[in-house]
Amino acid sequence: MNQSIILGIGTGRCGAASLAKVLNQQTDAVCSFDEPPLLPWRHTDGPRVIRERFARFRLHGEARRLGDCASYYLPYLEHAIAAEPDLRVVCLKRPREEVVVSFCQWLDQTMPLPTNHWARQPAPGWHHDFVRTRTYPQYDTQNREEGIRRYWDEYYERVGELIECYPDHIRLFDTYEALNTESGLQELLGFVGIPPDEQVLTGVEGRVRLAVGGGWRPG
């Protein structure tokens, strides 16, 4: 059976978990979120890592469409396209300051110690996380918000470069439009190869809830 592979990417705190749920609603599709082992941002053997990961995807079963959604695929995308010529990559984009606020809230609520993934050398009293920090780039700043902003800027700059080189494989979607509107969801599902008569669009409204400034973005 010919099994196509879909990757969902974005900086994180951008709707990737909701994207995985959307894809899992589709007929004959299996999509995970942050499938372990988590991949390091800096790597030395991207082609081998990607080949092994795609082979592991195919152990999930006989679904026609297999995928995973995670921020850390960005440095591996060229290797992924070389390994899987029919690959489709959905990149979600949420406004930068919303991402900054959401990351800070999420880390403060879920980490036992003050955590800054993006500082090469955290400030006194701040920490890296053994599992997660290596999935992000680090910078010579100890200000967490500044590090996240630089990460967001560089992430989407690189996505833009890759879209210019691989427009048939990678497409950028606004998170809210893609996951919360019928037309946006139809475009996204069409891009990954799901024909209109097979698309499952139920429950589109209210699908993604994004934390902003202590509240919830309507949607």
N, C-alpha and C. Protein backbone atom coordinates (compact mmCIF):
# COMPACT_ATOMS: atom_id res chain seq x y z
N MET A 1 0.84 -1.20 0.00
CA MET A 1 0.00 0.00 0.00
C MET A 1 0.88 1.25 0.00
N ASN A 2 0.49 2.23 -0.83
CA ASN A 2 1.21 3.49 -0.86
C ASN A 2 0.71 4.37 0.29
N GLN A 3 1.57 4.62 1.27
CA GLN A 3 1.20 5.42 2.43
C GLN A 3 1.89 6.78 2.35
N SER A 4 1.09 7.84 2.35
CA SER A 4 1.66 9.18 2.31
C SER A 4 1.94 9.68 3.72
N ILE A 5 2.92 10.57 3.84
CA ILE A 5 3.32 11.10 5.13
C ILE A 5 3.06 12.60 5.20
N ILE A 6 2.53 13.04 6.33
CA ILE A 6 2.21 14.44 6.59
C ILE A 6 2.94 14.86 7.85
N LEU A 7 3.61 16.01 7.80
CA LEU A 7 4.21 16.59 8.98
C LEU A 7 3.53 17.93 9.28
N GLY A 8 3.23 18.15 10.53
CA GLY A 8 2.72 19.44 10.97
C GLY A 8 3.80 20.14 11.76
N ILE A 9 4.09 21.40 11.42
CA ILE A 9 5.14 22.14 12.11
C ILE A 9 4.63 23.53 12.52
N GLY A 10 5.47 24.27 13.19
CA GLY A 10 5.18 25.59 13.72
C GLY A 10 6.02 25.75 14.96
N THR A 11 6.08 26.92 15.52
CA THR A 11 6.99 27.20 16.62
C THR A 11 6.67 26.44 17.89
N GLY A 12 5.47 25.93 18.01
CA GLY A 12 4.94 25.47 19.28
C GLY A 12 3.98 26.53 19.80
N ARG A 13 3.00 26.11 20.63
CA ARG A 13 1.95 27.02 21.11
C ARG A 13 1.23 27.67 19.95
N CYS A 14 1.09 26.92 18.85
CA CYS A 14 0.52 27.48 17.62
C CYS A 14 -0.63 26.64 17.08
N GLY A 15 -1.06 25.62 17.81
CA GLY A 15 -2.18 24.82 17.35
C GLY A 15 -1.81 23.46 16.80
N ALA A 16 -0.58 23.02 16.96
CA ALA A 16 -0.15 21.75 16.38
C ALA A 16 -0.90 20.55 16.98
N ALA A 17 -1.19 20.61 18.27
CA ALA A 17 -1.95 19.51 18.88
C ALA A 17 -3.35 19.44 18.28
N SER A 18 -3.96 20.59 18.03
CA SER A 18 -5.27 20.62 17.39
C SER A 18 -5.19 20.11 15.95
N LEU A 19 -4.10 20.43 15.27
CA LEU A 19 -3.91 19.93 13.91
C LEU A 19 -3.86 18.41 13.91
N ALA A 20 -3.16 17.82 14.86
CA ALA A 20 -3.11 16.37 14.94
C ALA A 20 -4.51 15.79 15.13
N LYS A 21 -5.33 16.44 15.95
CA LYS A 21 -6.70 15.96 16.16
C LYS A 21 -7.51 16.06 14.88
N VAL A 22 -7.33 17.15 14.14
CA VAL A 22 -8.03 17.32 12.87
C VAL A 22 -7.67 16.19 11.91
N LEU A 23 -6.38 15.91 11.80
CA LEU A 23 -5.94 14.87 10.87
C LEU A 23 -6.42 13.49 11.31
N ASN A 24 -6.47 13.25 12.61
CA ASN A 24 -6.96 11.96 13.10
C ASN A 24 -8.45 11.76 12.86
N GLN A 25 -9.18 12.83 12.62
CA GLN A 25 -10.60 12.72 12.30
C GLN A 25 -10.82 12.23 10.87
N GLN A 26 -9.80 12.34 10.05
CA GLN A 26 -9.97 12.02 8.64
C GLN A 26 -9.96 10.51 8.43
N THR A 27 -10.65 10.09 7.39
CA THR A 27 -10.72 8.67 7.08
C THR A 27 -9.35 8.13 6.70
N ASP A 28 -9.01 7.01 7.27
CA ASP A 28 -7.77 6.30 6.92
C ASP A 28 -6.54 7.15 7.20
N ALA A 29 -6.51 7.83 8.34
CA ALA A 29 -5.37 8.67 8.72
C ALA A 29 -5.01 8.44 10.18
N VAL A 30 -3.71 8.44 10.46
CA VAL A 30 -3.20 8.32 11.82
C VAL A 30 -2.13 9.39 12.00
N CYS A 31 -2.32 10.27 12.98
CA CYS A 31 -1.37 11.36 13.19
C CYS A 31 -1.10 11.52 14.68
N SER A 32 0.17 11.53 15.05
CA SER A 32 0.57 11.71 16.44
C SER A 32 0.96 13.17 16.68
N PHE A 33 1.24 13.47 17.94
CA PHE A 33 1.71 14.80 18.33
C PHE A 33 2.94 14.63 19.20
N ASP A 34 4.06 15.25 18.76
CA ASP A 34 5.32 15.13 19.51
C ASP A 34 5.69 13.68 19.77
N GLU A 35 5.68 12.90 18.71
CA GLU A 35 6.00 11.47 18.89
C GLU A 35 7.43 11.30 19.40
N PRO A 36 7.61 10.54 20.47
CA PRO A 36 8.97 10.31 20.96
C PRO A 36 9.70 9.29 20.09
N PRO A 37 11.03 9.34 20.12
CA PRO A 37 11.85 10.29 20.87
C PRO A 37 11.83 11.67 20.21
N LEU A 38 11.82 12.72 21.05
CA LEU A 38 11.84 14.07 20.53
C LEU A 38 13.18 14.33 19.85
N LEU A 39 13.14 15.05 18.73
CA LEU A 39 14.35 15.25 17.93
C LEU A 39 15.10 16.50 18.37
N PRO A 40 16.41 16.44 18.44
CA PRO A 40 17.19 17.64 18.80
C PRO A 40 17.21 18.65 17.67
N TRP A 41 17.22 19.92 18.03
CA TRP A 41 17.29 20.97 17.02
C TRP A 41 18.59 20.88 16.22
N ARG A 42 19.68 20.66 16.93
CA ARG A 42 20.98 20.50 16.26
C ARG A 42 21.25 19.02 16.07
N HIS A 43 21.53 18.63 14.85
CA HIS A 43 21.70 17.21 14.55
C HIS A 43 22.93 17.00 13.69
N THR A 44 23.40 15.78 13.66
CA THR A 44 24.59 15.44 12.87
C THR A 44 24.28 14.45 11.76
N ASP A 45 23.13 13.79 11.82
CA ASP A 45 22.80 12.79 10.80
C ASP A 45 21.31 12.83 10.50
N GLY A 46 20.87 13.96 9.95
CA GLY A 46 19.46 14.14 9.65
C GLY A 46 18.86 13.09 8.72
N PRO A 47 19.55 12.72 7.63
CA PRO A 47 18.97 11.71 6.73
C PRO A 47 18.65 10.39 7.42
N ARG A 48 19.56 9.90 8.25
CA ARG A 48 19.31 8.63 8.95
C ARG A 48 18.16 8.78 9.93
N VAL A 49 18.15 9.89 10.69
CA VAL A 49 17.09 10.11 11.68
C VAL A 49 15.72 10.11 11.00
N ILE A 50 15.62 10.79 9.90
CA ILE A 50 14.33 10.89 9.20
C ILE A 50 13.93 9.55 8.59
N ARG A 51 14.85 8.85 7.98
CA ARG A 51 14.50 7.54 7.41
C ARG A 51 13.98 6.60 8.48
N GLU A 52 14.66 6.58 9.61
CA GLU A 52 14.24 5.70 10.71
C GLU A 52 12.88 6.11 11.26
N ARG A 53 12.65 7.41 11.34
CA ARG A 53 11.38 7.88 11.88
C ARG A 53 10.24 7.54 10.94
N PHE A 54 10.42 7.75 9.66
CA PHE A 54 9.35 7.43 8.71
C PHE A 54 9.07 5.93 8.69
N ALA A 55 10.12 5.12 8.82
CA ALA A 55 9.91 3.67 8.89
C ALA A 55 9.09 3.32 10.13
N ARG A 56 9.33 4.03 11.23
CA ARG A 56 8.57 3.78 12.45
C ARG A 56 7.12 4.23 12.29
N PHE A 57 6.88 5.32 11.57
CA PHE A 57 5.50 5.73 11.29
C PHE A 57 4.73 4.57 10.66
N ARG A 58 5.38 3.89 9.74
CA ARG A 58 4.69 2.85 8.98
C ARG A 58 4.42 1.60 9.81
N LEU A 59 4.95 1.56 11.02
CA LEU A 59 4.61 0.48 11.95
C LEU A 59 3.28 0.73 12.64
N HIS A 60 2.74 1.95 12.48
CA HIS A 60 1.49 2.30 13.13
C HIS A 60 0.30 1.53 12.56
N GLY A 61 0.47 0.99 11.37
CA GLY A 61 -0.64 0.26 10.76
C GLY A 61 -0.71 0.52 9.27
N GLU A 62 -1.88 0.25 8.73
CA GLU A 62 -2.04 0.30 7.28
C GLU A 62 -2.83 1.51 6.80
N ALA A 63 -2.95 2.53 7.63
CA ALA A 63 -3.64 3.76 7.19
C ALA A 63 -2.92 4.36 6.00
N ARG A 64 -3.69 4.96 5.11
CA ARG A 64 -3.10 5.55 3.90
C ARG A 64 -2.29 6.80 4.20
N ARG A 65 -2.66 7.50 5.28
CA ARG A 65 -1.99 8.76 5.61
C ARG A 65 -1.45 8.68 7.03
N LEU A 66 -0.16 8.92 7.16
CA LEU A 66 0.51 8.84 8.45
C LEU A 66 1.19 10.16 8.74
N GLY A 67 1.21 10.57 9.99
CA GLY A 67 1.86 11.85 10.27
C GLY A 67 2.19 12.07 11.72
N ASP A 68 2.85 13.20 11.95
CA ASP A 68 3.20 13.66 13.29
C ASP A 68 3.27 15.18 13.23
N CYS A 69 2.94 15.83 14.35
CA CYS A 69 3.01 17.28 14.44
C CYS A 69 3.97 17.67 15.55
N ALA A 70 5.00 18.44 15.22
CA ALA A 70 6.00 18.86 16.21
C ALA A 70 6.82 19.99 15.64
N SER A 71 7.25 20.89 16.51
CA SER A 71 8.02 22.06 16.07
C SER A 71 9.40 21.69 15.57
N TYR A 72 9.98 20.61 16.10
CA TYR A 72 11.39 20.32 15.87
C TYR A 72 11.70 19.69 14.51
N TYR A 73 10.70 19.53 13.65
CA TYR A 73 10.98 18.98 12.32
C TYR A 73 11.64 19.99 11.38
N LEU A 74 11.54 21.27 11.69
CA LEU A 74 12.03 22.28 10.75
C LEU A 74 13.46 22.03 10.27
N PRO A 75 14.44 21.76 11.14
CA PRO A 75 15.81 21.55 10.64
C PRO A 75 15.98 20.29 9.80
N TYR A 76 14.97 19.44 9.78
CA TYR A 76 15.07 18.15 9.08
C TYR A 76 14.29 18.12 7.76
N LEU A 77 13.63 19.22 7.41
CA LEU A 77 12.67 19.14 6.31
C LEU A 77 13.30 18.81 4.97
N GLU A 78 14.45 19.36 4.67
CA GLU A 78 15.06 19.02 3.38
C GLU A 78 15.41 17.54 3.31
N HIS A 79 15.88 16.97 4.41
CA HIS A 79 16.14 15.53 4.44
C HIS A 79 14.83 14.76 4.30
N ALA A 80 13.78 15.26 4.90
CA ALA A 80 12.49 14.57 4.85
C ALA A 80 11.93 14.55 3.43
N ILE A 81 12.06 15.66 2.72
CA ILE A 81 11.56 15.72 1.34
C ILE A 81 12.38 14.80 0.45
N ALA A 82 13.68 14.75 0.67
CA ALA A 82 14.52 13.85 -0.11
C ALA A 82 14.14 12.39 0.13
N ALA A 83 13.79 12.07 1.36
CA ALA A 83 13.44 10.69 1.71
C ALA A 83 12.04 10.32 1.28
N GLU A 84 11.16 11.31 1.19
CA GLU A 84 9.74 11.06 0.93
C GLU A 84 9.24 12.09 -0.07
N PRO A 85 9.42 11.85 -1.38
CA PRO A 85 9.12 12.88 -2.39
C PRO A 85 7.67 13.37 -2.38
N ASP A 86 6.74 12.58 -1.85
CA ASP A 86 5.34 13.00 -1.81
C ASP A 86 4.95 13.62 -0.47
N LEU A 87 5.93 13.91 0.37
CA LEU A 87 5.67 14.50 1.68
C LEU A 87 4.90 15.81 1.58
N ARG A 88 3.99 16.02 2.53
CA ARG A 88 3.30 17.29 2.66
C ARG A 88 3.56 17.83 4.06
N VAL A 89 3.91 19.12 4.14
CA VAL A 89 4.24 19.75 5.41
C VAL A 89 3.29 20.93 5.63
N VAL A 90 2.51 20.87 6.68
CA VAL A 90 1.60 21.94 7.07
C VAL A 90 2.29 22.76 8.15
N CYS A 91 2.53 24.04 7.89
CA CYS A 91 3.14 24.91 8.90
C CYS A 91 2.09 25.89 9.41
N LEU A 92 1.83 25.85 10.71
CA LEU A 92 0.88 26.77 11.32
C LEU A 92 1.61 28.00 11.85
N LYS A 93 0.96 29.15 11.70
CA LYS A 93 1.57 30.40 12.15
C LYS A 93 0.57 31.17 12.99
N ARG A 94 0.97 31.47 14.21
CA ARG A 94 0.19 32.26 15.15
C ARG A 94 0.95 33.55 15.42
N PRO A 95 0.29 34.68 15.67
CA PRO A 95 1.00 35.93 15.91
C PRO A 95 2.09 35.80 16.97
N ARG A 96 3.20 36.47 16.72
CA ARG A 96 4.39 36.31 17.55
C ARG A 96 4.13 36.58 19.03
N GLU A 97 3.49 37.70 19.34
CA GLU A 97 3.31 38.04 20.75
C GLU A 97 2.36 37.08 21.46
N GLU A 98 1.40 36.52 20.73
CA GLU A 98 0.55 35.50 21.32
C GLU A 98 1.36 34.25 21.66
N VAL A 99 2.29 33.90 20.79
CA VAL A 99 3.15 32.74 21.04
C VAL A 99 4.03 32.99 22.26
N VAL A 100 4.59 34.19 22.36
CA VAL A 100 5.44 34.52 23.51
C VAL A 100 4.66 34.37 24.81
N VAL A 101 3.48 34.98 24.87
CA VAL A 101 2.67 34.92 26.08
C VAL A 101 2.30 33.47 26.41
N SER A 102 1.88 32.72 25.38
CA SER A 102 1.44 31.35 25.61
C SER A 102 2.58 30.47 26.08
N PHE A 103 3.76 30.60 25.47
CA PHE A 103 4.91 29.82 25.91
C PHE A 103 5.23 30.11 27.38
N CYS A 104 5.26 31.38 27.75
CA CYS A 104 5.62 31.74 29.12
C CYS A 104 4.60 31.20 30.12
N GLN A 105 3.32 31.34 29.79
CA GLN A 105 2.29 30.82 30.68
C GLN A 105 2.40 29.31 30.81
N TRP A 106 2.58 28.64 29.70
CA TRP A 106 2.65 27.17 29.69
C TRP A 106 3.84 26.68 30.50
N LEU A 107 5.00 27.29 30.30
CA LEU A 107 6.19 26.87 31.04
C LEU A 107 6.04 27.13 32.53
N ASP A 108 5.48 28.28 32.88
CA ASP A 108 5.32 28.61 34.29
C ASP A 108 4.33 27.67 34.98
N GLN A 109 3.37 27.16 34.21
CA GLN A 109 2.36 26.28 34.79
C GLN A 109 2.78 24.81 34.83
N THR A 110 3.67 24.40 33.93
CA THR A 110 3.96 22.98 33.79
C THR A 110 5.35 22.57 34.27
N MET A 111 6.27 23.50 34.39
CA MET A 111 7.63 23.16 34.79
C MET A 111 7.82 23.36 36.29
N PRO A 112 8.50 22.44 36.96
CA PRO A 112 8.69 22.57 38.41
C PRO A 112 9.64 23.70 38.80
N LEU A 113 10.51 24.11 37.86
CA LEU A 113 11.47 25.19 38.11
C LEU A 113 11.36 26.24 37.01
N PRO A 114 11.77 27.49 37.25
CA PRO A 114 11.76 28.50 36.19
C PRO A 114 12.61 28.01 35.00
N THR A 115 12.00 27.96 33.83
CA THR A 115 12.62 27.30 32.68
C THR A 115 12.73 28.25 31.50
N ASN A 116 13.89 28.25 30.86
CA ASN A 116 14.14 29.04 29.65
C ASN A 116 14.86 28.15 28.65
N HIS A 117 14.12 27.65 27.67
CA HIS A 117 14.70 26.76 26.66
C HIS A 117 15.66 27.49 25.72
N TRP A 118 15.50 28.81 25.58
CA TRP A 118 16.15 29.52 24.49
C TRP A 118 17.42 30.25 24.90
N ALA A 119 17.82 30.16 26.15
CA ALA A 119 19.06 30.80 26.62
C ALA A 119 20.20 29.80 26.57
N ARG A 120 21.28 30.18 25.92
CA ARG A 120 22.44 29.29 25.91
C ARG A 120 22.94 29.02 27.33
N GLN A 121 22.93 30.08 28.14
CA GLN A 121 23.29 29.97 29.56
C GLN A 121 22.20 30.66 30.36
N PRO A 122 21.28 29.89 30.97
CA PRO A 122 20.19 30.53 31.71
C PRO A 122 20.70 31.43 32.84
N ALA A 123 19.94 32.44 33.15
CA ALA A 123 20.27 33.35 34.25
C ALA A 123 20.22 32.60 35.57
N PRO A 124 20.87 33.12 36.60
CA PRO A 124 20.81 32.48 37.91
C PRO A 124 19.36 32.25 38.34
N GLY A 125 19.06 31.06 38.80
CA GLY A 125 17.71 30.71 39.21
C GLY A 125 16.85 30.15 38.11
N TRP A 126 17.35 30.18 36.87
CA TRP A 126 16.62 29.64 35.72
C TRP A 126 17.30 28.35 35.25
N HIS A 127 16.54 27.54 34.50
CA HIS A 127 17.02 26.21 34.19
C HIS A 127 16.65 25.80 32.76
N HIS A 128 17.43 24.84 32.24
CA HIS A 128 17.04 24.09 31.06
C HIS A 128 16.23 22.87 31.50
N ASP A 129 15.50 22.29 30.57
CA ASP A 129 14.83 21.02 30.80
C ASP A 129 15.56 19.93 30.03
N PHE A 130 15.84 18.82 30.69
CA PHE A 130 16.66 17.77 30.11
C PHE A 130 16.06 17.23 28.81
N VAL A 131 14.74 17.15 28.73
CA VAL A 131 14.09 16.56 27.56
C VAL A 131 13.79 17.61 26.50
N ARG A 132 13.21 18.74 26.90
CA ARG A 132 12.65 19.68 25.93
C ARG A 132 13.62 20.72 25.39
N THR A 133 14.55 21.17 26.20
CA THR A 133 15.38 22.29 25.77
C THR A 133 16.13 21.97 24.49
N ARG A 134 16.58 20.77 24.33
CA ARG A 134 17.37 20.43 23.15
C ARG A 134 16.56 20.43 21.86
N THR A 135 15.23 20.52 21.96
CA THR A 135 14.41 20.57 20.75
C THR A 135 14.26 21.99 20.21
N TYR A 136 14.89 22.97 20.89
CA TYR A 136 14.84 24.37 20.47
C TYR A 136 16.25 24.90 20.25
N PRO A 137 16.39 25.98 19.49
CA PRO A 137 17.69 26.65 19.39
C PRO A 137 17.94 27.50 20.62
N GLN A 138 19.20 27.74 20.94
CA GLN A 138 19.55 28.61 22.06
C GLN A 138 20.32 29.83 21.57
N TYR A 139 20.18 30.93 22.32
CA TYR A 139 20.76 32.20 21.93
C TYR A 139 21.54 32.82 23.10
N ASP A 140 22.34 33.82 22.77
CA ASP A 140 23.12 34.53 23.80
C ASP A 140 22.28 35.63 24.43
N THR A 141 21.14 35.25 24.96
CA THR A 141 20.31 36.17 25.73
C THR A 141 19.69 35.38 26.87
N GLN A 142 19.58 36.01 28.02
CA GLN A 142 18.96 35.35 29.17
C GLN A 142 17.52 35.80 29.39
N ASN A 143 17.06 36.69 28.53
CA ASN A 143 15.68 37.15 28.59
C ASN A 143 14.80 36.16 27.81
N ARG A 144 13.90 35.49 28.51
CA ARG A 144 13.11 34.44 27.87
C ARG A 144 12.24 34.97 26.74
N GLU A 145 11.56 36.08 26.97
CA GLU A 145 10.71 36.64 25.92
C GLU A 145 11.52 37.01 24.69
N GLU A 146 12.68 37.60 24.90
CA GLU A 146 13.54 37.97 23.77
C GLU A 146 13.98 36.73 23.00
N GLY A 147 14.31 35.67 23.71
CA GLY A 147 14.71 34.43 23.04
C GLY A 147 13.58 33.83 22.22
N ILE A 148 12.36 33.85 22.77
CA ILE A 148 11.22 33.31 22.03
C ILE A 148 10.94 34.14 20.78
N ARG A 149 11.04 35.46 20.90
CA ARG A 149 10.81 36.32 19.73
C ARG A 149 11.82 36.02 18.62
N ARG A 150 13.08 35.87 19.02
CA ARG A 150 14.09 35.57 18.00
C ARG A 150 13.84 34.20 17.37
N TYR A 151 13.46 33.24 18.17
CA TYR A 151 13.11 31.90 17.67
C TYR A 151 11.97 31.99 16.67
N TRP A 152 10.90 32.72 17.02
CA TRP A 152 9.75 32.88 16.13
C TRP A 152 10.18 33.52 14.81
N ASP A 153 10.96 34.60 14.88
CA ASP A 153 11.40 35.29 13.68
C ASP A 153 12.21 34.36 12.78
N GLU A 154 13.16 33.67 13.35
CA GLU A 154 14.05 32.81 12.56
C GLU A 154 13.30 31.58 12.03
N TYR A 155 12.36 31.10 12.82
CA TYR A 155 11.60 29.93 12.40
C TYR A 155 10.84 30.22 11.10
N TYR A 156 10.09 31.32 11.10
CA TYR A 156 9.27 31.59 9.92
C TYR A 156 10.08 32.16 8.77
N GLU A 157 11.21 32.75 9.06
CA GLU A 157 12.12 33.13 7.97
C GLU A 157 12.60 31.87 7.24
N ARG A 158 12.97 30.86 8.00
CA ARG A 158 13.42 29.60 7.39
C ARG A 158 12.29 28.90 6.65
N VAL A 159 11.09 28.93 7.22
CA VAL A 159 9.95 28.34 6.53
C VAL A 159 9.73 29.03 5.18
N GLY A 160 9.84 30.35 5.15
CA GLY A 160 9.68 31.07 3.90
C GLY A 160 10.72 30.65 2.86
N GLU A 161 11.95 30.46 3.29
CA GLU A 161 13.00 30.02 2.37
C GLU A 161 12.68 28.63 1.81
N LEU A 162 12.20 27.75 2.67
CA LEU A 162 11.89 26.39 2.22
C LEU A 162 10.69 26.37 1.28
N ILE A 163 9.70 27.23 1.53
CA ILE A 163 8.54 27.28 0.64
C ILE A 163 8.97 27.73 -0.76
N GLU A 164 9.91 28.66 -0.83
CA GLU A 164 10.40 29.08 -2.14
C GLU A 164 11.05 27.93 -2.90
N CYS A 165 11.73 27.06 -2.17
CA CYS A 165 12.42 25.92 -2.80
C CYS A 165 11.50 24.73 -3.03
N TYR A 166 10.52 24.55 -2.15
CA TYR A 166 9.66 23.36 -2.20
C TYR A 166 8.19 23.75 -2.07
N PRO A 167 7.67 24.55 -3.01
CA PRO A 167 6.29 25.04 -2.86
C PRO A 167 5.24 23.94 -2.94
N ASP A 168 5.55 22.82 -3.56
CA ASP A 168 4.58 21.73 -3.64
C ASP A 168 4.54 20.89 -2.37
N HIS A 169 5.55 21.05 -1.54
CA HIS A 169 5.66 20.21 -0.35
C HIS A 169 5.29 20.93 0.94
N ILE A 170 5.48 22.23 1.01
CA ILE A 170 5.31 22.98 2.26
C ILE A 170 4.35 24.14 2.03
N ARG A 171 3.41 24.32 2.94
CA ARG A 171 2.50 25.46 2.84
C ARG A 171 2.29 26.05 4.23
N LEU A 172 2.21 27.38 4.28
CA LEU A 172 2.03 28.12 5.53
C LEU A 172 0.55 28.45 5.69
N PHE A 173 0.01 28.20 6.88
CA PHE A 173 -1.39 28.46 7.17
C PHE A 173 -1.52 29.29 8.45
N ASP A 174 -2.41 30.26 8.42
CA ASP A 174 -2.77 30.97 9.64
C ASP A 174 -3.52 30.01 10.55
N THR A 175 -3.08 29.90 11.80
CA THR A 175 -3.66 28.92 12.72
C THR A 175 -5.17 29.07 12.85
N TYR A 176 -5.61 30.29 13.11
CA TYR A 176 -7.03 30.48 13.35
C TYR A 176 -7.86 30.14 12.11
N GLU A 177 -7.46 30.64 10.95
CA GLU A 177 -8.22 30.40 9.73
C GLU A 177 -8.22 28.92 9.36
N ALA A 178 -7.07 28.28 9.49
CA ALA A 178 -6.94 26.89 9.05
C ALA A 178 -7.72 25.93 9.92
N LEU A 179 -7.77 26.20 11.22
CA LEU A 179 -8.38 25.24 12.13
C LEU A 179 -9.77 25.62 12.60
N ASN A 180 -10.17 26.88 12.40
CA ASN A 180 -11.45 27.33 12.93
C ASN A 180 -12.46 27.74 11.87
N THR A 181 -12.10 27.67 10.60
CA THR A 181 -13.06 28.01 9.56
C THR A 181 -13.17 26.86 8.56
N GLU A 182 -14.34 26.70 8.02
CA GLU A 182 -14.54 25.59 7.08
C GLU A 182 -13.68 25.75 5.84
N SER A 183 -13.59 26.97 5.30
CA SER A 183 -12.80 27.18 4.09
C SER A 183 -11.32 26.94 4.36
N GLY A 184 -10.84 27.38 5.52
CA GLY A 184 -9.44 27.16 5.85
C GLY A 184 -9.12 25.69 6.02
N LEU A 185 -10.02 24.97 6.68
CA LEU A 185 -9.80 23.54 6.89
C LEU A 185 -9.86 22.79 5.56
N GLN A 186 -10.76 23.19 4.68
CA GLN A 186 -10.83 22.54 3.36
C GLN A 186 -9.53 22.74 2.58
N GLU A 187 -8.98 23.95 2.65
CA GLU A 187 -7.72 24.21 1.96
C GLU A 187 -6.60 23.36 2.54
N LEU A 188 -6.53 23.29 3.86
CA LEU A 188 -5.48 22.50 4.51
C LEU A 188 -5.60 21.03 4.14
N LEU A 189 -6.79 20.47 4.23
CA LEU A 189 -6.97 19.06 3.94
C LEU A 189 -6.74 18.76 2.46
N GLY A 190 -7.13 19.68 1.60
CA GLY A 190 -6.85 19.49 0.19
C GLY A 190 -5.37 19.48 -0.09
N PHE A 191 -4.62 20.34 0.59
CA PHE A 191 -3.18 20.39 0.39
C PHE A 191 -2.51 19.07 0.77
N VAL A 192 -2.97 18.43 1.84
CA VAL A 192 -2.32 17.18 2.26
C VAL A 192 -2.83 15.98 1.48
N GLY A 193 -3.73 16.21 0.52
CA GLY A 193 -4.11 15.14 -0.38
C GLY A 193 -5.42 14.45 -0.09
N ILE A 194 -6.26 15.06 0.75
CA ILE A 194 -7.55 14.46 1.07
C ILE A 194 -8.61 15.06 0.16
N PRO A 195 -9.22 14.30 -0.72
CA PRO A 195 -10.22 14.83 -1.66
C PRO A 195 -11.41 15.43 -0.92
N PRO A 196 -12.09 16.40 -1.54
CA PRO A 196 -13.22 17.06 -0.89
C PRO A 196 -14.29 16.09 -0.38
N ASP A 197 -14.56 15.02 -1.15
CA ASP A 197 -15.63 14.10 -0.73
C ASP A 197 -15.21 13.19 0.41
N GLU A 198 -13.93 13.24 0.81
CA GLU A 198 -13.46 12.44 1.95
C GLU A 198 -13.15 13.30 3.17
N GLN A 199 -13.23 14.61 3.05
CA GLN A 199 -12.85 15.49 4.14
C GLN A 199 -13.90 15.48 5.25
N VAL A 200 -13.43 15.33 6.49
CA VAL A 200 -14.30 15.39 7.66
C VAL A 200 -14.17 16.78 8.26
N LEU A 201 -15.25 17.56 8.20
CA LEU A 201 -15.22 18.95 8.63
C LEU A 201 -16.06 19.19 9.88
N THR A 202 -16.61 18.15 10.47
CA THR A 202 -17.49 18.33 11.61
C THR A 202 -16.74 18.95 12.79
N GLY A 203 -17.44 19.81 13.51
CA GLY A 203 -16.86 20.41 14.70
C GLY A 203 -15.77 21.42 14.42
N VAL A 204 -15.84 22.09 13.27
CA VAL A 204 -14.80 23.05 12.93
C VAL A 204 -14.82 24.23 13.89
N GLU A 205 -15.99 24.80 14.13
CA GLU A 205 -16.06 25.99 14.99
C GLU A 205 -15.65 25.63 16.41
N GLY A 206 -14.78 26.46 16.97
CA GLY A 206 -14.33 26.23 18.33
C GLY A 206 -13.27 25.15 18.47
N ARG A 207 -12.68 24.74 17.35
CA ARG A 207 -11.76 23.61 17.40
C ARG A 207 -10.49 23.94 18.17
N VAL A 208 -9.90 25.13 17.93
CA VAL A 208 -8.63 25.44 18.58
C VAL A 208 -8.82 26.58 19.57
N ARG A 209 -8.37 26.38 20.79
CA ARG A 209 -8.47 27.40 21.83
C ARG A 209 -7.05 27.79 22.22
N LEU A 210 -6.72 29.04 21.99
CA LEU A 210 -5.35 29.49 22.20
C LEU A 210 -5.29 30.46 23.36
N ALA A 211 -4.47 30.13 24.35
CA ALA A 211 -4.36 30.97 25.53
C ALA A 211 -3.65 32.27 25.20
N VAL A 212 -4.25 33.39 25.53
CA VAL A 212 -3.64 34.69 25.27
C VAL A 212 -3.89 35.57 26.49
N GLY A 213 -2.79 36.03 27.09
CA GLY A 213 -2.91 36.99 28.17
C GLY A 213 -3.81 36.57 29.30
N GLY A 214 -3.80 35.25 29.61
CA GLY A 214 -4.57 34.77 30.73
C GLY A 214 -6.00 34.39 30.36
N GLY A 215 -6.44 34.71 29.13
CA GLY A 215 -7.76 34.35 28.71
C GLY A 215 -7.71 33.38 27.53
N TRP A 216 -8.82 33.30 26.82
CA TRP A 216 -8.85 32.42 25.66
C TRP A 216 -9.22 33.22 24.42
N ARG A 217 -8.51 32.95 23.35
CA ARG A 217 -8.89 33.58 22.09
C ARG A 217 -10.16 32.93 21.60
N PRO A 218 -11.19 33.69 21.25
CA PRO A 218 -12.42 33.10 20.77
C PRO A 218 -12.15 32.25 19.54
N GLY A 219 -12.87 31.17 19.42
CA GLY A 219 -12.66 30.44 18.19
C GLY A 219 -13.00 29.02 18.24
